[in-house]
Amino acid sequence: MAHFGDRVDQVSAALSDVDIRGWTQRFDLLSDPNRLEILLSMHRVPGICVGELAEAVGRSENSVSQALRVLRQQGWVTSTRIGRQVSYHLDDQTVHQLLHWIGAAHAS
């Protein structure tokens, strides 16, 4: 049987292997249904605009813009302005993979 100290050392090593703060932040952001719906929408339709997102998720443009601001600050989303139109793209590969893991698919 392993010595008590050995088991504690193994647990400590396991905890240092993972970016706990980063994963906690990811799961916190993903736990908000509004942000998750927006991310799923951008995953399915890259380059979607705020008005389209708002209509798709049934929220105001202001609400969607606020969620996008948080996601941009985290580096998950990028925006591209063409004239007056701003389109949004998912830009974080880890989040992209997580969305696939929960069942999100790309458009056919």
PDB file of N, CA and C in Angstrom:
ATOM      1  N   MET A   1       0.850  -1.187   0.000  1.00  0.00           N
ATOM      2  CA  MET A   1       0.000   0.000   0.000  1.00  0.00           C
ATOM      3  C   MET A   1       0.891   1.245   0.000  1.00  0.00           C
ATOM      4  N   ALA A   2       0.458   2.250  -0.766  1.00  0.00           N
ATOM      5  CA  ALA A   2       1.247   3.473  -0.863  1.00  0.00           C
ATOM      6  C   ALA A   2       1.232   4.211   0.467  1.00  0.00           C
ATOM      7  N   HIS A   3       2.334   4.836   0.752  1.00  0.00           N
ATOM      8  CA  HIS A   3       2.463   5.653   1.958  1.00  0.00           C
ATOM      9  C   HIS A   3       1.597   6.904   1.806  1.00  0.00           C
ATOM     10  N   PHE A   4       1.027   7.376   2.918  1.00  0.00           N
ATOM     11  CA  PHE A   4       0.148   8.544   2.934  1.00  0.00           C
ATOM     12  C   PHE A   4       0.795   9.732   2.229  1.00  0.00           C
ATOM     13  N   GLY A   5       2.054   9.987   2.511  1.00  0.00           N
ATOM     14  CA  GLY A   5       2.768  11.110   1.890  1.00  0.00           C
ATOM     15  C   GLY A   5       2.887  10.951   0.391  1.00  0.00           C
ATOM     16  N   ASP A   6       3.048   9.696  -0.092  1.00  0.00           N
ATOM     17  CA  ASP A   6       3.137   9.441  -1.529  1.00  0.00           C
ATOM     18  C   ASP A   6       1.830   9.813  -2.226  1.00  0.00           C
ATOM     19  N   ARG A   7       0.728   9.461  -1.585  1.00  0.00           N
ATOM     20  CA  ARG A   7      -0.585   9.755  -2.174  1.00  0.00           C
ATOM     21  C   ARG A   7      -0.827  11.258  -2.232  1.00  0.00           C
ATOM     22  N   VAL A   8      -0.432  11.960  -1.198  1.00  0.00           N
ATOM     23  CA  VAL A   8      -0.567  13.421  -1.173  1.00  0.00           C
ATOM     24  C   VAL A   8       0.288  14.031  -2.275  1.00  0.00           C
ATOM     25  N   ASP A   9       1.506  13.523  -2.452  1.00  0.00           N
ATOM     26  CA  ASP A   9       2.382  14.017  -3.515  1.00  0.00           C
ATOM     27  C   ASP A   9       1.773  13.773  -4.895  1.00  0.00           C
ATOM     28  N   GLN A  10       1.131  12.612  -5.068  1.00  0.00           N
ATOM     29  CA  GLN A  10       0.495  12.305  -6.349  1.00  0.00           C
ATOM     30  C   GLN A  10      -0.659  13.260  -6.632  1.00  0.00           C
ATOM     31  N   VAL A  11      -1.442  13.552  -5.608  1.00  0.00           N
ATOM     32  CA  VAL A  11      -2.554  14.500  -5.771  1.00  0.00           C
ATOM     33  C   VAL A  11      -2.011  15.888  -6.081  1.00  0.00           C
ATOM     34  N   SER A  12      -0.980  16.299  -5.374  1.00  0.00           N
ATOM     35  CA  SER A  12      -0.386  17.620  -5.622  1.00  0.00           C
ATOM     36  C   SER A  12       0.116  17.721  -7.050  1.00  0.00           C
ATOM     37  N   ALA A  13       0.730  16.653  -7.540  1.00  0.00           N
ATOM     38  CA  ALA A  13       1.222  16.648  -8.922  1.00  0.00           C
ATOM     39  C   ALA A  13       0.057  16.743  -9.900  1.00  0.00           C
ATOM     40  N   ALA A  14      -1.032  16.020  -9.625  1.00  0.00           N
ATOM     41  CA  ALA A  14      -2.202  16.058 -10.507  1.00  0.00           C
ATOM     42  C   ALA A  14      -2.785  17.466 -10.564  1.00  0.00           C
ATOM     43  N   LEU A  15      -2.813  18.144  -9.440  1.00  0.00           N
ATOM     44  CA  LEU A  15      -3.369  19.504  -9.398  1.00  0.00           C
ATOM     45  C   LEU A  15      -2.484  20.497 -10.132  1.00  0.00           C
ATOM     46  N   SER A  16      -1.186  20.271 -10.123  1.00  0.00           N
ATOM     47  CA  SER A  16      -0.291  21.201 -10.808  1.00  0.00           C
ATOM     48  C   SER A  16      -0.233  20.936 -12.310  1.00  0.00           C
ATOM     49  N   ASP A  17      -0.736  19.774 -12.750  1.00  0.00           N
ATOM     50  CA  ASP A  17      -0.747  19.437 -14.180  1.00  0.00           C
ATOM     51  C   ASP A  17      -1.787  20.234 -14.966  1.00  0.00           C
ATOM     52  N   VAL A  18      -2.783  20.759 -14.275  1.00  0.00           N
ATOM     53  CA  VAL A  18      -3.929  21.377 -14.936  1.00  0.00           C
ATOM     54  C   VAL A  18      -3.994  22.863 -14.583  1.00  0.00           C
ATOM     55  N   ASP A  19      -4.361  23.670 -15.558  1.00  0.00           N
ATOM     56  CA  ASP A  19      -4.559  25.103 -15.337  1.00  0.00           C
ATOM     57  C   ASP A  19      -5.932  25.290 -14.684  1.00  0.00           C
ATOM     58  N   ILE A  20      -5.992  25.103 -13.386  1.00  0.00           N
ATOM     59  CA  ILE A  20      -7.266  25.130 -12.663  1.00  0.00           C
ATOM     60  C   ILE A  20      -7.961  26.474 -12.816  1.00  0.00           C
ATOM     61  N   ARG A  21      -7.236  27.546 -12.670  1.00  0.00           N
ATOM     62  CA  ARG A  21      -7.839  28.882 -12.798  1.00  0.00           C
ATOM     63  C   ARG A  21      -8.414  29.095 -14.198  1.00  0.00           C
ATOM     64  N   GLY A  22      -7.660  28.707 -15.212  1.00  0.00           N
ATOM     65  CA  GLY A  22      -8.120  28.865 -16.590  1.00  0.00           C
ATOM     66  C   GLY A  22      -9.363  28.044 -16.888  1.00  0.00           C
ATOM     67  N   TRP A  23      -9.371  26.783 -16.413  1.00  0.00           N
ATOM     68  CA  TRP A  23     -10.538  25.923 -16.646  1.00  0.00           C
ATOM     69  C   TRP A  23     -11.738  26.409 -15.852  1.00  0.00           C
ATOM     70  N   THR A  24     -11.520  26.885 -14.653  1.00  0.00           N
ATOM     71  CA  THR A  24     -12.622  27.424 -13.851  1.00  0.00           C
ATOM     72  C   THR A  24     -13.252  28.608 -14.575  1.00  0.00           C
ATOM     73  N   GLN A  25     -12.408  29.468 -15.122  1.00  0.00           N
ATOM     74  CA  GLN A  25     -12.908  30.633 -15.854  1.00  0.00           C
ATOM     75  C   GLN A  25     -13.684  30.200 -17.105  1.00  0.00           C
ATOM     76  N   ARG A  26     -13.164  29.209 -17.834  1.00  0.00           N
ATOM     77  CA  ARG A  26     -13.871  28.718 -19.018  1.00  0.00           C
ATOM     78  C   ARG A  26     -15.256  28.191 -18.644  1.00  0.00           C
ATOM     79  N   PHE A  27     -15.282  27.328 -17.619  1.00  0.00           N
ATOM     80  CA  PHE A  27     -16.567  26.743 -17.232  1.00  0.00           C
ATOM     81  C   PHE A  27     -17.519  27.800 -16.677  1.00  0.00           C
ATOM     82  N   ASP A  28     -16.980  28.806 -16.014  1.00  0.00           N
ATOM     83  CA  ASP A  28     -17.827  29.892 -15.524  1.00  0.00           C
ATOM     84  C   ASP A  28     -18.474  30.625 -16.703  1.00  0.00           C
ATOM     85  N   LEU A  29     -17.682  30.944 -17.711  1.00  0.00           N
ATOM     86  CA  LEU A  29     -18.226  31.635 -18.882  1.00  0.00           C
ATOM     87  C   LEU A  29     -19.211  30.752 -19.638  1.00  0.00           C
ATOM     88  N   LEU A  30     -18.914  29.459 -19.737  1.00  0.00           N
ATOM     89  CA  LEU A  30     -19.800  28.541 -20.454  1.00  0.00           C
ATOM     90  C   LEU A  30     -21.077  28.231 -19.684  1.00  0.00           C
ATOM     91  N   SER A  31     -21.062  28.467 -18.368  1.00  0.00           N
ATOM     92  CA  SER A  31     -22.240  28.125 -17.563  1.00  0.00           C
ATOM     93  C   SER A  31     -23.384  29.115 -17.748  1.00  0.00           C
ATOM     94  N   ASP A  32     -23.119  30.247 -18.363  1.00  0.00           N
ATOM     95  CA  ASP A  32     -24.173  31.222 -18.623  1.00  0.00           C
ATOM     96  C   ASP A  32     -24.905  30.827 -19.907  1.00  0.00           C
ATOM     97  N   PRO A  33     -26.201  30.527 -19.823  1.00  0.00           N
ATOM     98  CA  PRO A  33     -26.940  30.075 -21.016  1.00  0.00           C
ATOM     99  C   PRO A  33     -26.895  31.067 -22.173  1.00  0.00           C
ATOM    100  N   ASN A  34     -26.920  32.362 -21.874  1.00  0.00           N
ATOM    101  CA  ASN A  34     -26.881  33.371 -22.939  1.00  0.00           C
ATOM    102  C   ASN A  34     -25.570  33.293 -23.714  1.00  0.00           C
ATOM    103  N   ARG A  35     -24.462  33.249 -22.996  1.00  0.00           N
ATOM    104  CA  ARG A  35     -23.154  33.175 -23.674  1.00  0.00           C
ATOM    105  C   ARG A  35     -23.004  31.858 -24.422  1.00  0.00           C
ATOM    106  N   LEU A  36     -23.477  30.765 -23.819  1.00  0.00           N
ATOM    107  CA  LEU A  36     -23.357  29.471 -24.479  1.00  0.00           C
ATOM    108  C   LEU A  36     -24.157  29.454 -25.779  1.00  0.00           C
ATOM    109  N   GLU A  37     -25.361  30.004 -25.763  1.00  0.00           N
ATOM    110  CA  GLU A  37     -26.158  30.072 -26.989  1.00  0.00           C
ATOM    111  C   GLU A  37     -25.458  30.913 -28.054  1.00  0.00           C
ATOM    112  N   ILE A  38     -24.857  32.003 -27.648  1.00  0.00           N
ATOM    113  CA  ILE A  38     -24.142  32.865 -28.600  1.00  0.00           C
ATOM    114  C   ILE A  38     -22.944  32.120 -29.181  1.00  0.00           C
ATOM    115  N   LEU A  39     -22.195  31.424 -28.328  1.00  0.00           N
ATOM    116  CA  LEU A  39     -21.043  30.656 -28.815  1.00  0.00           C
ATOM    117  C   LEU A  39     -21.482  29.548 -29.773  1.00  0.00           C
ATOM    118  N   LEU A  40     -22.551  28.860 -29.423  1.00  0.00           N
ATOM    119  CA  LEU A  40     -23.059  27.799 -30.310  1.00  0.00           C
ATOM    120  C   LEU A  40     -23.502  28.382 -31.649  1.00  0.00           C
ATOM    121  N   SER A  41     -24.109  29.561 -31.617  1.00  0.00           N
ATOM    122  CA  SER A  41     -24.547  30.222 -32.849  1.00  0.00           C
ATOM    123  C   SER A  41     -23.354  30.594 -33.717  1.00  0.00           C
ATOM    124  N   MET A  42     -22.327  31.165 -33.108  1.00  0.00           N
ATOM    125  CA  MET A  42     -21.131  31.546 -33.869  1.00  0.00           C
ATOM    126  C   MET A  42     -20.390  30.323 -34.384  1.00  0.00           C
ATOM    127  N   HIS A  43     -20.446  29.242 -33.641  1.00  0.00           N
ATOM    128  CA  HIS A  43     -19.816  28.000 -34.069  1.00  0.00           C
ATOM    129  C   HIS A  43     -20.503  27.480 -35.335  1.00  0.00           C
ATOM    130  N   ARG A  44     -21.821  27.543 -35.347  1.00  0.00           N
ATOM    131  CA  ARG A  44     -22.589  27.037 -36.496  1.00  0.00           C
ATOM    132  C   ARG A  44     -22.501  27.984 -37.684  1.00  0.00           C
ATOM    133  N   VAL A  45     -22.523  29.305 -37.396  1.00  0.00           N
ATOM    134  CA  VAL A  45     -22.537  30.313 -38.465  1.00  0.00           C
ATOM    135  C   VAL A  45     -21.432  31.343 -38.201  1.00  0.00           C
ATOM    136  N   PRO A  46     -20.188  31.012 -38.571  1.00  0.00           N
ATOM    137  CA  PRO A  46     -19.103  31.985 -38.388  1.00  0.00           C
ATOM    138  C   PRO A  46     -19.384  33.259 -39.185  1.00  0.00           C
ATOM    139  N   GLY A  47     -19.052  34.389 -38.597  1.00  0.00           N
ATOM    140  CA  GLY A  47     -19.258  35.659 -39.274  1.00  0.00           C
ATOM    141  C   GLY A  47     -20.635  36.248 -39.073  1.00  0.00           C
ATOM    142  N   ILE A  48     -21.376  35.723 -38.107  1.00  0.00           N
ATOM    143  CA  ILE A  48     -22.722  36.224 -37.824  1.00  0.00           C
ATOM    144  C   ILE A  48     -22.635  37.612 -37.180  1.00  0.00           C
ATOM    145  N   CYS A  49     -23.626  38.446 -37.421  1.00  0.00           N
ATOM    146  CA  CYS A  49     -23.662  39.816 -36.894  1.00  0.00           C
ATOM    147  C   CYS A  49     -24.545  39.881 -35.649  1.00  0.00           C
ATOM    148  N   VAL A  50     -24.404  40.958 -34.890  1.00  0.00           N
ATOM    149  CA  VAL A  50     -25.146  41.131 -33.637  1.00  0.00           C
ATOM    150  C   VAL A  50     -26.656  41.021 -33.843  1.00  0.00           C
ATOM    151  N   GLY A  51     -27.177  41.694 -34.851  1.00  0.00           N
ATOM    152  CA  GLY A  51     -28.618  41.654 -35.105  1.00  0.00           C
ATOM    153  C   GLY A  51     -29.103  40.238 -35.382  1.00  0.00           C
ATOM    154  N   GLU A  52     -28.340  39.502 -36.169  1.00  0.00           N
ATOM    155  CA  GLU A  52     -28.698  38.110 -36.466  1.00  0.00           C
ATOM    156  C   GLU A  52     -28.626  37.253 -35.206  1.00  0.00           C
ATOM    157  N   LEU A  53     -27.572  37.455 -34.418  1.00  0.00           N
ATOM    158  CA  LEU A  53     -27.431  36.713 -33.160  1.00  0.00           C
ATOM    159  C   LEU A  53     -28.594  37.009 -32.224  1.00  0.00           C
ATOM    160  N   ALA A  54     -28.937  38.283 -32.091  1.00  0.00           N
ATOM    161  CA  ALA A  54     -30.026  38.688 -31.198  1.00  0.00           C
ATOM    162  C   ALA A  54     -31.332  38.020 -31.609  1.00  0.00           C
ATOM    163  N   GLU A  55     -31.602  38.021 -32.906  1.00  0.00           N
ATOM    164  CA  GLU A  55     -32.834  37.395 -33.393  1.00  0.00           C
ATOM    165  C   GLU A  55     -32.792  35.879 -33.155  1.00  0.00           C
ATOM    166  N   ALA A  56     -31.655  35.278 -33.430  1.00  0.00           N
ATOM    167  CA  ALA A  56     -31.526  33.822 -33.299  1.00  0.00           C
ATOM    168  C   ALA A  56     -31.709  33.345 -31.856  1.00  0.00           C
ATOM    169  N   VAL A  57     -31.156  34.098 -30.900  1.00  0.00           N
ATOM    170  CA  VAL A  57     -31.221  33.660 -29.492  1.00  0.00           C
ATOM    171  C   VAL A  57     -32.365  34.322 -28.724  1.00  0.00           C
ATOM    172  N   GLY A  58     -33.115  35.214 -29.387  1.00  0.00           N
ATOM    173  CA  GLY A  58     -34.281  35.823 -28.756  1.00  0.00           C
ATOM    174  C   GLY A  58     -33.941  36.819 -27.656  1.00  0.00           C
ATOM    175  N   ARG A  59     -32.868  37.580 -27.874  1.00  0.00           N
ATOM    176  CA  ARG A  59     -32.472  38.596 -26.899  1.00  0.00           C
ATOM    177  C   ARG A  59     -32.255  39.929 -27.612  1.00  0.00           C
ATOM    178  N   SER A  60     -32.122  40.964 -26.829  1.00  0.00           N
ATOM    179  CA  SER A  60     -31.893  42.286 -27.421  1.00  0.00           C
ATOM    180  C   SER A  60     -30.460  42.374 -27.956  1.00  0.00           C
ATOM    181  N   GLU A  61     -30.275  43.273 -28.906  1.00  0.00           N
ATOM    182  CA  GLU A  61     -28.931  43.497 -29.440  1.00  0.00           C
ATOM    183  C   GLU A  61     -27.991  43.970 -28.334  1.00  0.00           C
ATOM    184  N   ASN A  62     -28.506  44.779 -27.412  1.00  0.00           N
ATOM    185  CA  ASN A  62     -27.688  45.270 -26.308  1.00  0.00           C
ATOM    186  C   ASN A  62     -27.206  44.108 -25.432  1.00  0.00           C
ATOM    187  N   SER A  63     -28.096  43.189 -25.123  1.00  0.00           N
ATOM    188  CA  SER A  63     -27.745  42.025 -24.309  1.00  0.00           C
ATOM    189  C   SER A  63     -26.693  41.163 -25.009  1.00  0.00           C
ATOM    190  N   VAL A  64     -26.882  40.939 -26.299  1.00  0.00           N
ATOM    191  CA  VAL A  64     -25.926  40.144 -27.076  1.00  0.00           C
ATOM    192  C   VAL A  64     -24.584  40.871 -27.152  1.00  0.00           C
ATOM    193  N   SER A  65     -24.611  42.174 -27.360  1.00  0.00           N
ATOM    194  CA  SER A  65     -23.367  42.956 -27.424  1.00  0.00           C
ATOM    195  C   SER A  65     -22.589  42.876 -26.121  1.00  0.00           C
ATOM    196  N   GLN A  66     -23.300  42.927 -24.997  1.00  0.00           N
ATOM    197  CA  GLN A  66     -22.630  42.825 -23.693  1.00  0.00           C
ATOM    198  C   GLN A  66     -21.968  41.462 -23.535  1.00  0.00           C
ATOM    199  N   ALA A  67     -22.653  40.400 -23.930  1.00  0.00           N
ATOM    200  CA  ALA A  67     -22.074  39.055 -23.845  1.00  0.00           C
ATOM    201  C   ALA A  67     -20.869  38.932 -24.775  1.00  0.00           C
ATOM    202  N   LEU A  68     -20.975  39.493 -25.965  1.00  0.00           N
ATOM    203  CA  LEU A  68     -19.852  39.445 -26.913  1.00  0.00           C
ATOM    204  C   LEU A  68     -18.646  40.209 -26.383  1.00  0.00           C
ATOM    205  N   ARG A  69     -18.897  41.302 -25.684  1.00  0.00           N
ATOM    206  CA  ARG A  69     -17.806  42.082 -25.100  1.00  0.00           C
ATOM    207  C   ARG A  69     -17.015  41.228 -24.113  1.00  0.00           C
ATOM    208  N   VAL A  70     -17.722  40.486 -23.272  1.00  0.00           N
ATOM    209  CA  VAL A  70     -17.060  39.593 -22.300  1.00  0.00           C
ATOM    210  C   VAL A  70     -16.268  38.520 -23.030  1.00  0.00           C
ATOM    211  N   LEU A  71     -16.860  37.934 -24.055  1.00  0.00           N
ATOM    212  CA  LEU A  71     -16.194  36.861 -24.801  1.00  0.00           C
ATOM    213  C   LEU A  71     -14.979  37.393 -25.569  1.00  0.00           C
ATOM    214  N   ARG A  72     -15.065  38.609 -26.082  1.00  0.00           N
ATOM    215  CA  ARG A  72     -13.904  39.227 -26.759  1.00  0.00           C
ATOM    216  C   ARG A  72     -12.793  39.492 -25.762  1.00  0.00           C
ATOM    217  N   GLN A  73     -13.138  39.978 -24.567  1.00  0.00           N
ATOM    218  CA  GLN A  73     -12.135  40.265 -23.540  1.00  0.00           C
ATOM    219  C   GLN A  73     -11.378  39.003 -23.147  1.00  0.00           C
ATOM    220  N   GLN A  74     -12.040  37.853 -23.204  1.00  0.00           N
ATOM    221  CA  GLN A  74     -11.389  36.584 -22.872  1.00  0.00           C
ATOM    222  C   GLN A  74     -10.580  36.033 -24.042  1.00  0.00           C
ATOM    223  N   GLY A  75     -10.714  36.655 -25.204  1.00  0.00           N
ATOM    224  CA  GLY A  75      -9.998  36.185 -26.379  1.00  0.00           C
ATOM    225  C   GLY A  75     -10.686  35.024 -27.081  1.00  0.00           C
ATOM    226  N   TRP A  76     -11.944  34.781 -26.737  1.00  0.00           N
ATOM    227  CA  TRP A  76     -12.684  33.676 -27.338  1.00  0.00           C
ATOM    228  C   TRP A  76     -13.289  34.042 -28.681  1.00  0.00           C
ATOM    229  N   VAL A  77     -13.551  35.337 -28.869  1.00  0.00           N
ATOM    230  CA  VAL A  77     -14.277  35.823 -30.032  1.00  0.00           C
ATOM    231  C   VAL A  77     -13.496  36.979 -30.648  1.00  0.00           C
ATOM    232  N   THR A  78     -13.480  37.020 -31.964  1.00  0.00           N
ATOM    233  CA  THR A  78     -12.911  38.164 -32.668  1.00  0.00           C
ATOM    234  C   THR A  78     -14.015  38.798 -33.514  1.00  0.00           C
ATOM    235  N   SER A  79     -13.801  40.044 -33.847  1.00  0.00           N
ATOM    236  CA  SER A  79     -14.782  40.746 -34.672  1.00  0.00           C
ATOM    237  C   SER A  79     -14.090  41.354 -35.878  1.00  0.00           C
ATOM    238  N   THR A  80     -14.853  41.468 -36.952  1.00  0.00           N
ATOM    239  CA  THR A  80     -14.368  42.077 -38.184  1.00  0.00           C
ATOM    240  C   THR A  80     -15.397  43.090 -38.635  1.00  0.00           C
ATOM    241  N   ARG A  81     -14.938  44.326 -38.862  1.00  0.00           N
ATOM    242  CA  ARG A  81     -15.852  45.390 -39.311  1.00  0.00           C
ATOM    243  C   ARG A  81     -15.701  45.564 -40.812  1.00  0.00           C
ATOM    244  N   ILE A  82     -16.857  45.542 -41.482  1.00  0.00           N
ATOM    245  CA  ILE A  82     -16.913  45.838 -42.913  1.00  0.00           C
ATOM    246  C   ILE A  82     -17.975  46.916 -43.064  1.00  0.00           C
ATOM    247  N   GLY A  83     -17.515  48.153 -43.231  1.00  0.00           N
ATOM    248  CA  GLY A  83     -18.457  49.278 -43.265  1.00  0.00           C
ATOM    249  C   GLY A  83     -19.101  49.431 -41.903  1.00  0.00           C
ATOM    250  N   ARG A  84     -20.423  49.425 -41.873  1.00  0.00           N
ATOM    251  CA  ARG A  84     -21.150  49.550 -40.607  1.00  0.00           C
ATOM    252  C   ARG A  84     -21.423  48.181 -39.972  1.00  0.00           C
ATOM    253  N   GLN A  85     -21.176  47.132 -40.700  1.00  0.00           N
ATOM    254  CA  GLN A  85     -21.478  45.779 -40.244  1.00  0.00           C
ATOM    255  C   GLN A  85     -20.281  45.175 -39.500  1.00  0.00           C
ATOM    256  N   VAL A  86     -20.533  44.544 -38.354  1.00  0.00           N
ATOM    257  CA  VAL A  86     -19.496  43.856 -37.590  1.00  0.00           C
ATOM    258  C   VAL A  86     -19.885  42.391 -37.495  1.00  0.00           C
ATOM    259  N   SER A  87     -18.973  41.534 -37.920  1.00  0.00           N
ATOM    260  CA  SER A  87     -19.245  40.100 -37.839  1.00  0.00           C
ATOM    261  C   SER A  87     -18.343  39.488 -36.769  1.00  0.00           C
ATOM    262  N   TYR A  88     -18.811  38.401 -36.188  1.00  0.00           N
ATOM    263  CA  TYR A  88     -18.128  37.776 -35.053  1.00  0.00           C
ATOM    264  C   TYR A  88     -17.777  36.328 -35.367  1.00  0.00           C
ATOM    265  N   HIS A  89     -16.603  35.939 -34.870  1.00  0.00           N
ATOM    266  CA  HIS A  89     -16.084  34.588 -35.100  1.00  0.00           C
ATOM    267  C   HIS A  89     -15.557  34.024 -33.788  1.00  0.00           C
ATOM    268  N   LEU A  90     -15.779  32.747 -33.580  1.00  0.00           N
ATOM    269  CA  LEU A  90     -15.184  32.034 -32.463  1.00  0.00           C
ATOM    270  C   LEU A  90     -13.697  31.895 -32.755  1.00  0.00           C
ATOM    271  N   ASP A  91     -12.838  32.245 -31.795  1.00  0.00           N
ATOM    272  CA  ASP A  91     -11.400  32.288 -32.059  1.00  0.00           C
ATOM    273  C   ASP A  91     -10.582  31.557 -30.992  1.00  0.00           C
ATOM    274  N   ASP A  92     -11.188  30.675 -30.237  1.00  0.00           N
ATOM    275  CA  ASP A  92     -10.459  29.935 -29.208  1.00  0.00           C
ATOM    276  C   ASP A  92     -10.626  28.443 -29.494  1.00  0.00           C
ATOM    277  N   GLN A  93      -9.530  27.782 -29.812  1.00  0.00           N
ATOM    278  CA  GLN A  93      -9.594  26.370 -30.204  1.00  0.00           C
ATOM    279  C   GLN A  93     -10.057  25.458 -29.077  1.00  0.00           C
ATOM    280  N   THR A  94      -9.706  25.774 -27.838  1.00  0.00           N
ATOM    281  CA  THR A  94     -10.146  24.946 -26.719  1.00  0.00           C
ATOM    282  C   THR A  94     -11.656  25.014 -26.580  1.00  0.00           C
ATOM    283  N   VAL A  95     -12.210  26.214 -26.665  1.00  0.00           N
ATOM    284  CA  VAL A  95     -13.664  26.385 -26.590  1.00  0.00           C
ATOM    285  C   VAL A  95     -14.316  25.703 -27.787  1.00  0.00           C
ATOM    286  N   HIS A  96     -13.710  25.845 -28.954  1.00  0.00           N
ATOM    287  CA  HIS A  96     -14.219  25.188 -30.163  1.00  0.00           C
ATOM    288  C   HIS A  96     -14.321  23.674 -29.929  1.00  0.00           C
ATOM    289  N   GLN A  97     -13.279  23.093 -29.379  1.00  0.00           N
ATOM    290  CA  GLN A  97     -13.281  21.652 -29.097  1.00  0.00           C
ATOM    291  C   GLN A  97     -14.324  21.291 -28.043  1.00  0.00           C
ATOM    292  N   LEU A  98     -14.459  22.128 -27.013  1.00  0.00           N
ATOM    293  CA  LEU A  98     -15.486  21.879 -25.988  1.00  0.00           C
ATOM    294  C   LEU A  98     -16.881  21.889 -26.598  1.00  0.00           C
ATOM    295  N   LEU A  99     -17.133  22.810 -27.520  1.00  0.00           N
ATOM    296  CA  LEU A  99     -18.440  22.868 -28.166  1.00  0.00           C
ATOM    297  C   LEU A  99     -18.702  21.590 -28.961  1.00  0.00           C
ATOM    298  N   HIS A 100     -17.679  21.076 -29.634  1.00  0.00           N
ATOM    299  CA  HIS A 100     -17.836  19.799 -30.331  1.00  0.00           C
ATOM    300  C   HIS A 100     -18.120  18.686 -29.327  1.00  0.00           C
ATOM    301  N   TRP A 101     -17.422  18.714 -28.221  1.00  0.00           N
ATOM    302  CA  TRP A 101     -17.576  17.675 -27.207  1.00  0.00           C
ATOM    303  C   TRP A 101     -19.005  17.622 -26.660  1.00  0.00           C
ATOM    304  N   ILE A 102     -19.657  18.799 -26.532  1.00  0.00           N
ATOM    305  CA  ILE A 102     -21.028  18.798 -26.003  1.00  0.00           C
ATOM    306  C   ILE A 102     -22.063  18.559 -27.103  1.00  0.00           C
ATOM    307  N   GLY A 103     -21.603  18.378 -28.346  1.00  0.00           N
ATOM    308  CA  GLY A 103     -22.522  18.007 -29.414  1.00  0.00           C
ATOM    309  C   GLY A 103     -22.741  19.041 -30.487  1.00  0.00           C
ATOM    310  N   ALA A 104     -22.056  20.163 -30.440  1.00  0.00           N
ATOM    311  CA  ALA A 104     -22.224  21.205 -31.451  1.00  0.00           C
ATOM    312  C   ALA A 104     -21.599  20.751 -32.770  1.00  0.00           C
ATOM    313  N   ALA A 105     -22.327  20.979 -33.853  1.00  0.00           N
ATOM    314  CA  ALA A 105     -21.832  20.615 -35.169  1.00  0.00           C
ATOM    315  C   ALA A 105     -21.721  21.881 -36.020  1.00  0.00           C
ATOM    316  N   HIS A 106     -20.937  21.768 -37.066  1.00  0.00           N
ATOM    317  CA  HIS A 106     -20.846  22.867 -38.044  1.00  0.00           C
ATOM    318  C   HIS A 106     -22.023  22.756 -39.000  1.00  0.00           C
ATOM    319  N   ALA A 107     -22.316  23.855 -39.698  1.00  0.00           N
ATOM    320  CA  ALA A 107     -23.386  23.843 -40.690  1.00  0.00           C
ATOM    321  C   ALA A 107     -23.014  22.855 -41.800  1.00  0.00           C
ATOM    322  N   SER A 108     -24.014  22.223 -42.354  1.00  0.00           N
ATOM    323  CA  SER A 108     -23.765  21.240 -43.429  1.00  0.00           C
ATOM    324  C   SER A 108     -23.390  21.924 -44.708  1.00  0.00           C
TER     325      SER A 108
END
